[in-house]
Amino acid sequence: MHRDDVHRDQAQHDERGEAVAQGLARVRARIHEAAAVSGRLPEDVRLVVVTKFFPASDVRILASLGVTEVAENRHQEAQAKAEECADLGLAWHFVGGLQSNKAAAVARYSAAVHSLDRAKLVGPLDRGAGERGEPLDVLCQVSLDPPGADHRSGVEPDRLAALAERVAQADALRLRGLMAVAPLDEDPAAAFDRLAALREAFLRDHPGAGWLSAGMSGDLEQAVAVGATHVRVGSAVLGSRP
């Protein structure tokens, strides 16, 4: 490679690194402030950076800045990045819609799956986790959409207890808690208030499953206010998706 090309590539890498560092600092400050407002400790809110559509080079930048948990929405991209960045020792979270024929494969490289929303996924996830020889952390994704709505993924609240029990009985799965996404056309604070009520009932049956994965780039403050333990942030850290 020509020397000028090397210098140009290094300059672009340095520029990208600075942009990611600034985005990460802003999000960490938002989490710190939201926790303070809610009377919580900022270290009780874990930042999971969603790297969907961003290159593995960005994952390496994040790792160099102290990020230890990253997330993906699609199996093929997640698997490829997890393999390419295996030397970084990151925890990979799967947060997207799961297909039953991909669930076992997802379980083999994921530290946690946030998006379990139907019973038919329990068996494949359990099998994949068993094959890798260590338990898989699992969250049940619950829908916050009105009944009958053309909703985003998530089990209906009245079916949550049965789904959670299936997970709890699986040999290689650890039921960790709940995940939810605020509806697009509603104040996220109102949606997350409903989530908090669902979580209260859920914890009575599963007191050890205290994780709450909620809040993204646009609504992490409202999620922290209701007790989110994990916020899933992509664009606020990494910028607009390529």
Protein backbone atom coordinates (compact mmCIF):
# COMPACT_ATOMS: atom_id res chain seq x y z
CA MET A 1 0.00 0.00 0.00
CA HIS A 2 1.25 3.47 -0.86
CA ARG A 3 2.46 5.55 2.07
CA ASP A 4 -0.15 8.26 1.39
CA ASP A 5 -2.89 5.61 1.47
CA VAL A 6 -1.59 4.34 4.81
CA HIS A 7 -1.63 7.85 6.26
CA ARG A 8 -5.12 8.48 4.90
CA ASP A 9 -6.45 5.21 6.34
CA GLN A 10 -4.86 5.97 9.71
CA ALA A 11 -6.37 9.46 9.72
CA GLN A 12 -9.82 8.04 8.93
CA HIS A 13 -9.43 5.46 11.71
CA ASP A 14 -8.38 8.13 14.18
CA GLU A 15 -11.30 10.35 13.15
CA ARG A 16 -13.76 7.48 13.54
CA GLY A 17 -12.29 6.61 16.91
CA GLU A 18 -12.75 10.17 18.13
CA ALA A 19 -16.37 10.25 16.93
CA VAL A 20 -17.18 6.98 18.69
CA ALA A 21 -15.44 8.15 21.86
CA GLN A 22 -17.52 11.33 21.89
CA GLY A 23 -20.77 9.44 21.32
CA LEU A 24 -19.91 6.95 24.03
CA ALA A 25 -19.06 9.73 26.49
CA ARG A 26 -22.39 11.46 25.82
CA VAL A 27 -24.37 8.27 26.39
CA ARG A 28 -22.47 7.42 29.56
CA ALA A 29 -23.20 10.94 30.83
CA ARG A 30 -26.90 10.49 30.04
CA ILE A 31 -26.98 7.22 31.97
CA HIS A 32 -25.16 8.82 34.91
CA GLU A 33 -27.61 11.74 35.01
CA ALA A 34 -30.69 9.55 34.59
CA ALA A 35 -29.53 7.30 37.41
CA ALA A 36 -28.89 10.30 39.66
CA VAL A 37 -32.36 11.72 38.97
CA SER A 38 -33.90 8.35 39.82
CA GLY A 39 -31.85 7.88 42.98
CA ARG A 40 -29.94 4.97 41.48
CA LEU A 41 -26.26 4.19 41.11
CA PRO A 42 -25.01 4.61 37.53
CA GLU A 43 -23.04 1.37 37.79
CA ASP A 44 -26.35 -0.46 38.24
CA VAL A 45 -27.26 0.41 34.63
CA ARG A 46 -25.26 -1.58 32.07
CA LEU A 47 -24.70 -0.13 28.62
CA VAL A 48 -25.01 -2.65 25.79
CA VAL A 49 -23.90 -1.03 22.52
CA VAL A 50 -25.86 -2.23 19.49
CA THR A 51 -23.43 -2.60 16.58
CA LYS A 52 -25.97 -3.59 13.91
CA PHE A 53 -24.68 -2.72 10.41
CA PHE A 54 -21.46 -1.24 11.79
CA PRO A 55 -18.13 -2.90 10.92
CA ALA A 56 -16.01 -5.03 13.20
CA SER A 57 -13.49 -2.19 13.27
CA ASP A 58 -16.04 -0.17 15.26
CA VAL A 59 -16.38 -3.07 17.70
CA ARG A 60 -12.62 -2.91 18.23
CA ILE A 61 -12.81 0.83 18.85
CA LEU A 62 -15.56 0.27 21.42
CA ALA A 63 -13.50 -2.38 23.18
CA SER A 64 -10.52 -0.01 23.32
CA LEU A 65 -12.81 2.53 25.04
CA GLY A 66 -13.83 0.09 27.77
CA VAL A 67 -17.06 -1.31 26.33
CA THR A 68 -17.48 -4.95 27.34
CA GLU A 69 -21.01 -5.72 26.12
CA VAL A 70 -22.23 -5.39 22.56
CA ALA A 71 -25.40 -6.48 20.81
CA GLU A 72 -26.62 -7.59 17.41
CA ASN A 73 -30.06 -8.01 15.84
CA ARG A 74 -29.34 -10.53 13.08
CA HIS A 75 -27.78 -13.96 13.44
CA GLN A 76 -25.53 -13.95 10.37
CA GLU A 77 -23.98 -10.60 11.21
CA ALA A 78 -23.72 -11.44 14.90
CA GLN A 79 -21.98 -14.75 14.31
CA ALA A 80 -19.48 -13.25 11.88
CA LYS A 81 -18.55 -10.37 14.19
CA ALA A 82 -18.34 -12.59 17.25
CA GLU A 83 -15.86 -14.81 15.41
CA GLU A 84 -13.86 -11.89 13.99
CA CYS A 85 -13.63 -10.20 17.38
CA ALA A 86 -13.22 -13.31 19.51
CA ASP A 87 -9.88 -12.06 20.82
CA LEU A 88 -11.54 -9.09 22.54
CA GLY A 89 -13.35 -11.12 25.19
CA LEU A 90 -16.63 -9.27 24.69
CA ALA A 91 -20.05 -10.45 25.86
CA TRP A 92 -22.36 -10.65 22.82
CA HIS A 93 -26.05 -10.02 23.40
CA PHE A 94 -28.66 -11.03 20.84
CA VAL A 95 -31.54 -8.53 20.83
CA GLY A 96 -33.33 -9.10 17.52
CA GLY A 97 -36.16 -11.28 16.34
CA LEU A 98 -35.29 -14.97 16.65
CA GLN A 99 -36.06 -17.66 14.10
CA SER A 100 -36.51 -21.12 15.55
CA ASN A 101 -34.14 -22.65 12.98
CA LYS A 102 -31.38 -20.20 13.99
CA ALA A 103 -31.95 -20.22 17.76
CA ALA A 104 -29.55 -23.07 18.57
CA ALA A 105 -26.77 -21.39 16.58
CA VAL A 106 -27.43 -18.06 18.33
CA ALA A 107 -27.11 -19.79 21.70
CA ARG A 108 -23.62 -21.04 20.84
CA TYR A 109 -21.97 -17.59 20.75
CA SER A 110 -24.30 -15.35 22.77
CA ALA A 111 -23.78 -14.41 26.39
CA ALA A 112 -27.43 -13.41 26.60
CA VAL A 113 -30.55 -13.52 24.44
CA HIS A 114 -32.98 -10.67 25.17
CA SER A 115 -35.67 -11.49 22.63
CA LEU A 116 -37.28 -14.80 23.62
CA ASP A 117 -40.96 -14.25 22.88
CA ARG A 118 -42.49 -17.66 22.20
CA ALA A 119 -42.31 -21.15 23.61
CA LYS A 120 -41.07 -22.85 20.42
CA LEU A 121 -37.71 -21.06 20.84
CA VAL A 122 -37.00 -22.54 24.27
CA GLY A 123 -36.03 -25.99 23.02
CA PRO A 124 -33.55 -24.84 20.33
CA LEU A 125 -31.95 -22.29 22.65
CA ASP A 126 -31.62 -24.90 25.37
CA ARG A 127 -30.06 -27.36 22.92
CA GLY A 128 -27.55 -24.80 21.60
CA ALA A 129 -26.55 -23.74 25.11
CA GLY A 130 -26.17 -27.36 26.13
CA GLU A 131 -23.91 -28.05 23.16
CA ARG A 132 -21.54 -25.24 24.11
CA GLY A 133 -21.44 -26.49 27.69
CA GLU A 134 -22.42 -23.39 29.64
CA PRO A 135 -25.76 -21.84 30.60
CA LEU A 136 -27.28 -19.09 28.46
CA ASP A 137 -28.80 -16.01 30.06
CA VAL A 138 -32.28 -15.41 28.66
CA LEU A 139 -34.78 -12.57 28.96
CA CYS A 140 -38.42 -12.84 27.97
CA GLN A 141 -39.42 -10.05 25.61
CA VAL A 142 -42.86 -8.77 26.56
CA SER A 143 -45.03 -6.68 24.26
CA LEU A 144 -46.08 -3.22 25.45
CA ASP A 145 -48.40 -2.66 22.50
CA PRO A 146 -52.19 -2.39 22.93
CA PRO A 147 -54.11 -5.67 22.48
CA GLY A 148 -54.73 -6.43 18.83
CA ALA A 149 -52.18 -3.92 17.57
CA ASP A 150 -49.80 -4.73 14.75
CA HIS A 151 -47.11 -4.87 17.37
CA ARG A 152 -43.38 -5.23 17.46
CA SER A 153 -42.06 -8.50 18.83
CA GLY A 154 -42.92 -9.66 22.31
CA VAL A 155 -45.09 -12.13 24.15
CA GLU A 156 -48.49 -10.83 25.20
CA PRO A 157 -48.51 -9.99 28.93
CA ASP A 158 -51.13 -12.63 29.74
CA ARG A 159 -48.85 -15.32 28.29
CA LEU A 160 -45.66 -14.13 29.97
CA ALA A 161 -45.95 -16.33 33.07
CA ALA A 162 -46.25 -19.53 31.04
CA LEU A 163 -43.30 -18.60 28.82
CA ALA A 164 -41.12 -17.70 31.79
CA GLU A 165 -41.91 -21.02 33.44
CA ARG A 166 -40.80 -22.87 30.31
CA VAL A 167 -37.48 -21.04 30.40
CA ALA A 168 -37.05 -21.67 34.12
CA GLN A 169 -37.48 -25.41 33.58
CA ALA A 170 -34.92 -25.64 30.76
CA ASP A 171 -31.65 -27.34 31.68
CA ALA A 172 -29.18 -24.97 30.03
CA LEU A 173 -31.05 -21.64 30.21
CA ARG A 174 -30.98 -19.09 33.03
CA LEU A 175 -34.08 -16.92 33.27
CA ARG A 176 -32.65 -13.46 33.93
CA GLY A 177 -35.56 -11.08 33.50
CA LEU A 178 -37.56 -9.08 30.99
CA MET A 179 -36.94 -7.07 27.85
CA ALA A 180 -39.28 -4.63 26.13
CA VAL A 181 -39.40 -1.99 23.41
CA ALA A 182 -41.60 1.09 23.81
CA PRO A 183 -44.26 1.42 21.06
CA LEU A 184 -43.37 3.91 18.37
CA ASP A 185 -46.54 6.02 18.71
CA GLU A 186 -46.67 6.35 22.50
CA ASP A 187 -44.90 8.28 25.22
CA PRO A 188 -42.19 5.84 26.32
CA ALA A 189 -42.64 6.86 29.96
CA ALA A 190 -46.23 5.56 29.91
CA ALA A 191 -45.18 2.34 28.20
CA PHE A 192 -42.38 1.75 30.66
CA ASP A 193 -44.74 2.37 33.57
CA ARG A 194 -46.75 -0.62 32.31
CA LEU A 195 -43.51 -2.58 32.04
CA ALA A 196 -42.65 -1.77 35.65
CA ALA A 197 -46.03 -3.13 36.76
CA LEU A 198 -45.52 -6.31 34.75
CA ARG A 199 -42.06 -6.70 36.22
CA GLU A 200 -43.35 -6.38 39.77
CA ALA A 201 -45.67 -9.34 39.26
CA PHE A 202 -42.98 -11.27 37.36
CA LEU A 203 -40.48 -10.88 40.22
CA ARG A 204 -42.90 -12.37 42.70
CA ASP A 205 -42.71 -15.63 40.76
CA HIS A 206 -39.05 -15.31 39.76
CA PRO A 207 -37.26 -13.23 42.39
CA GLY A 208 -33.83 -14.05 41.00
CA ALA A 209 -34.64 -12.74 37.51
CA GLY A 210 -34.05 -9.07 38.13
CA TRP A 211 -32.63 -7.93 34.80
CA LEU A 212 -34.69 -5.36 32.93
CA SER A 213 -33.53 -4.62 29.38
CA ALA A 214 -35.28 -1.47 28.23
CA GLY A 215 -34.39 1.87 26.73
CA MET A 216 -32.62 2.77 23.52
CA SER A 217 -31.04 5.91 22.08
CA GLY A 218 -34.23 7.97 22.28
CA ASP A 219 -35.73 6.80 25.56
CA LEU A 220 -33.02 5.48 27.85
CA GLU A 221 -33.82 8.08 30.54
CA GLN A 222 -37.43 6.91 30.85
CA ALA A 223 -36.25 3.30 31.06
CA VAL A 224 -33.69 4.05 33.78
CA ALA A 225 -36.45 5.80 35.73
CA VAL A 226 -38.44 2.54 35.99
CA GLY A 227 -35.46 0.39 36.92
CA ALA A 228 -33.79 -0.70 33.68
CA THR A 229 -30.61 -2.64 34.40
CA HIS A 230 -29.56 -2.79 30.72
CA VAL A 231 -29.99 -0.12 28.05
CA ARG A 232 -29.49 -1.07 24.39
CA VAL A 233 -28.00 1.90 22.56
CA GLY A 234 -26.73 2.04 19.00
CA SER A 235 -27.06 5.28 17.04
CA ALA A 236 -26.44 7.59 20.00
CA VAL A 237 -23.00 6.00 20.36
CA LEU A 238 -22.08 5.07 16.80
CA GLY A 239 -24.03 7.58 14.73
CA SER A 240 -26.49 6.98 11.90
CA ARG A 241 -26.40 3.41 10.64
CA PRO A 242 -24.52 2.95 7.36
